[in-house]
Amino acid sequence: MTVSQWAVLITVYRGDATTTREVARYVNIDVGAVSRLVDRLVAKGLMSRESDPSSRRILRLTLTDAGLDLTPRLVPPPSRPQVSLSQLISAARSNPGMAGAPVTRTWSPSCAPSSAW
């Protein structure tokens, strides 16, 4: 899982956004890029798109059981509320060692980029 996929997954998990457009605004990524990221998460069985009952044009993003099982292991602990999702994404993008790198373990202070803290 890439940092960008992680950001989409966590954003939906936390309830910060439920559509591709909302996710794009929340994580400051192009809507088309978010759509492609969602496609990959759907293919991995972590997320699904469901029609909104109030509007056929809106597709709501939801996590599958596998996504609900995985995501809590990827979310930063709530004891660090001063660290926002956008700060973590920015830190990951600005650290050459993390850019595009897969997210393969849970968050811990020892793996956090020092510039974000």
Protein backbone atom coordinates (compact mmCIF):
# COMPACT_ATOMS: atom_id res chain seq x y z
CA MET A 1 0.00 0.00 0.00
CA THR A 2 1.37 3.41 -0.97
CA VAL A 3 1.22 6.51 1.20
CA SER A 4 -1.48 7.96 -1.08
CA GLN A 5 -3.60 4.80 -0.85
CA TRP A 6 -3.11 4.88 2.91
CA ALA A 7 -4.34 8.50 3.02
CA VAL A 8 -7.52 7.62 1.10
CA LEU A 9 -8.19 4.57 3.26
CA ILE A 10 -7.70 6.43 6.54
CA THR A 11 -9.75 9.41 5.40
CA VAL A 12 -12.74 7.18 4.66
CA TYR A 13 -12.20 5.12 7.81
CA ARG A 14 -12.21 8.21 10.03
CA GLY A 15 -15.35 9.53 8.32
CA ASP A 16 -13.63 12.69 7.13
CA ALA A 17 -14.92 12.09 3.59
CA THR A 18 -17.27 9.62 1.87
CA THR A 19 -16.98 10.47 -1.83
CA THR A 20 -14.06 10.69 -4.22
CA ARG A 21 -14.48 14.47 -4.50
CA GLU A 22 -14.56 14.89 -0.70
CA VAL A 23 -11.46 12.73 -0.29
CA ALA A 24 -9.66 14.78 -2.95
CA ARG A 25 -10.46 18.00 -1.12
CA TYR A 26 -9.53 16.57 2.27
CA VAL A 27 -6.13 15.17 1.29
CA ASN A 28 -5.43 17.81 -1.37
CA ILE A 29 -5.04 15.39 -4.27
CA ASP A 30 -6.58 15.68 -7.76
CA VAL A 31 -10.02 14.00 -8.09
CA GLY A 32 -8.80 11.83 -10.97
CA ALA A 33 -5.83 10.64 -8.92
CA VAL A 34 -8.12 9.79 -6.00
CA SER A 35 -10.39 7.87 -8.33
CA ARG A 36 -7.44 5.78 -9.52
CA LEU A 37 -6.33 5.21 -5.92
CA VAL A 38 -9.86 4.07 -5.03
CA ASP A 39 -9.80 1.72 -8.04
CA ARG A 40 -6.67 0.10 -6.61
CA LEU A 41 -8.15 -0.15 -3.11
CA VAL A 42 -11.31 -1.72 -4.58
CA ALA A 43 -9.16 -4.21 -6.51
CA LYS A 44 -7.35 -5.10 -3.26
CA GLY A 45 -10.72 -5.74 -1.60
CA LEU A 46 -10.26 -2.96 0.96
CA MET A 47 -12.88 -0.48 -0.28
CA SER A 48 -16.10 -0.44 -2.26
CA ARG A 49 -18.21 2.15 -4.07
CA GLU A 50 -21.92 2.14 -3.29
CA SER A 51 -24.73 4.18 -4.83
CA ASP A 52 -26.10 6.93 -2.64
CA PRO A 53 -29.84 6.35 -2.14
CA SER A 54 -30.53 10.10 -2.37
CA SER A 55 -28.71 10.61 -5.68
CA ARG A 56 -27.81 8.10 -8.38
CA ARG A 57 -24.91 10.33 -9.45
CA ILE A 58 -23.10 10.01 -6.12
CA LEU A 59 -21.03 6.98 -5.22
CA ARG A 60 -20.21 6.62 -1.53
CA LEU A 61 -16.91 5.10 -0.54
CA THR A 62 -17.06 2.44 2.15
CA LEU A 63 -14.54 0.05 3.60
CA THR A 64 -14.98 -3.67 3.18
CA ASP A 65 -14.57 -6.02 6.13
CA ALA A 66 -10.93 -6.47 5.09
CA GLY A 67 -10.47 -2.68 5.00
CA LEU A 68 -12.11 -2.28 8.39
CA ASP A 69 -9.80 -4.97 9.78
CA LEU A 70 -6.60 -3.49 8.31
CA THR A 71 -7.13 0.24 8.80
CA PRO A 72 -6.98 0.42 12.62
CA ARG A 73 -3.48 -1.03 12.39
CA LEU A 74 -2.47 1.81 10.04
CA VAL A 75 -4.03 4.76 11.88
CA PRO A 76 -1.76 6.90 14.05
CA PRO A 77 -2.70 6.50 17.72
CA PRO A 78 -5.25 9.04 19.02
CA SER A 79 -2.82 10.12 21.73
CA ARG A 80 -1.11 12.32 19.09
CA PRO A 81 -3.99 14.68 18.14
CA GLN A 82 -1.64 17.52 17.28
CA VAL A 83 -0.47 15.53 14.26
CA SER A 84 -2.99 15.89 11.45
CA LEU A 85 -3.41 13.57 8.51
CA SER A 86 -2.26 16.31 6.15
CA GLN A 87 0.94 16.77 8.20
CA LEU A 88 1.67 13.04 7.95
CA ILE A 89 1.03 13.05 4.19
CA SER A 90 3.21 16.14 3.71
CA ALA A 91 6.00 14.60 5.76
CA ALA A 92 5.82 11.39 3.76
CA ARG A 93 5.95 13.29 0.47
CA SER A 94 8.86 15.50 1.54
CA ASN A 95 10.97 12.61 2.81
CA PRO A 96 12.70 11.10 -0.24
CA GLY A 97 12.97 7.75 1.53
CA MET A 98 9.21 7.57 1.97
CA ALA A 99 7.95 9.08 -1.29
CA GLY A 100 5.93 6.40 -3.00
CA ALA A 101 7.12 3.84 -0.49
CA PRO A 102 4.69 1.20 0.66
CA VAL A 103 3.15 1.54 4.09
CA THR A 104 4.01 -1.80 5.61
CA ARG A 105 3.80 -1.32 9.36
CA THR A 106 1.84 0.49 11.98
CA TRP A 107 2.80 4.01 13.00
CA SER A 108 5.30 4.48 15.78
CA PRO A 109 7.40 7.46 16.86
CA SER A 110 10.54 5.66 15.69
CA CYS A 111 9.35 5.58 12.05
CA ALA A 112 7.97 9.12 11.95
CA PRO A 113 9.89 11.73 9.94
CA SER A 114 11.47 14.11 12.43
CA SER A 115 10.51 17.21 10.40
CA ALA A 116 6.78 16.61 11.08
CA TRP A 117 7.27 16.50 14.85
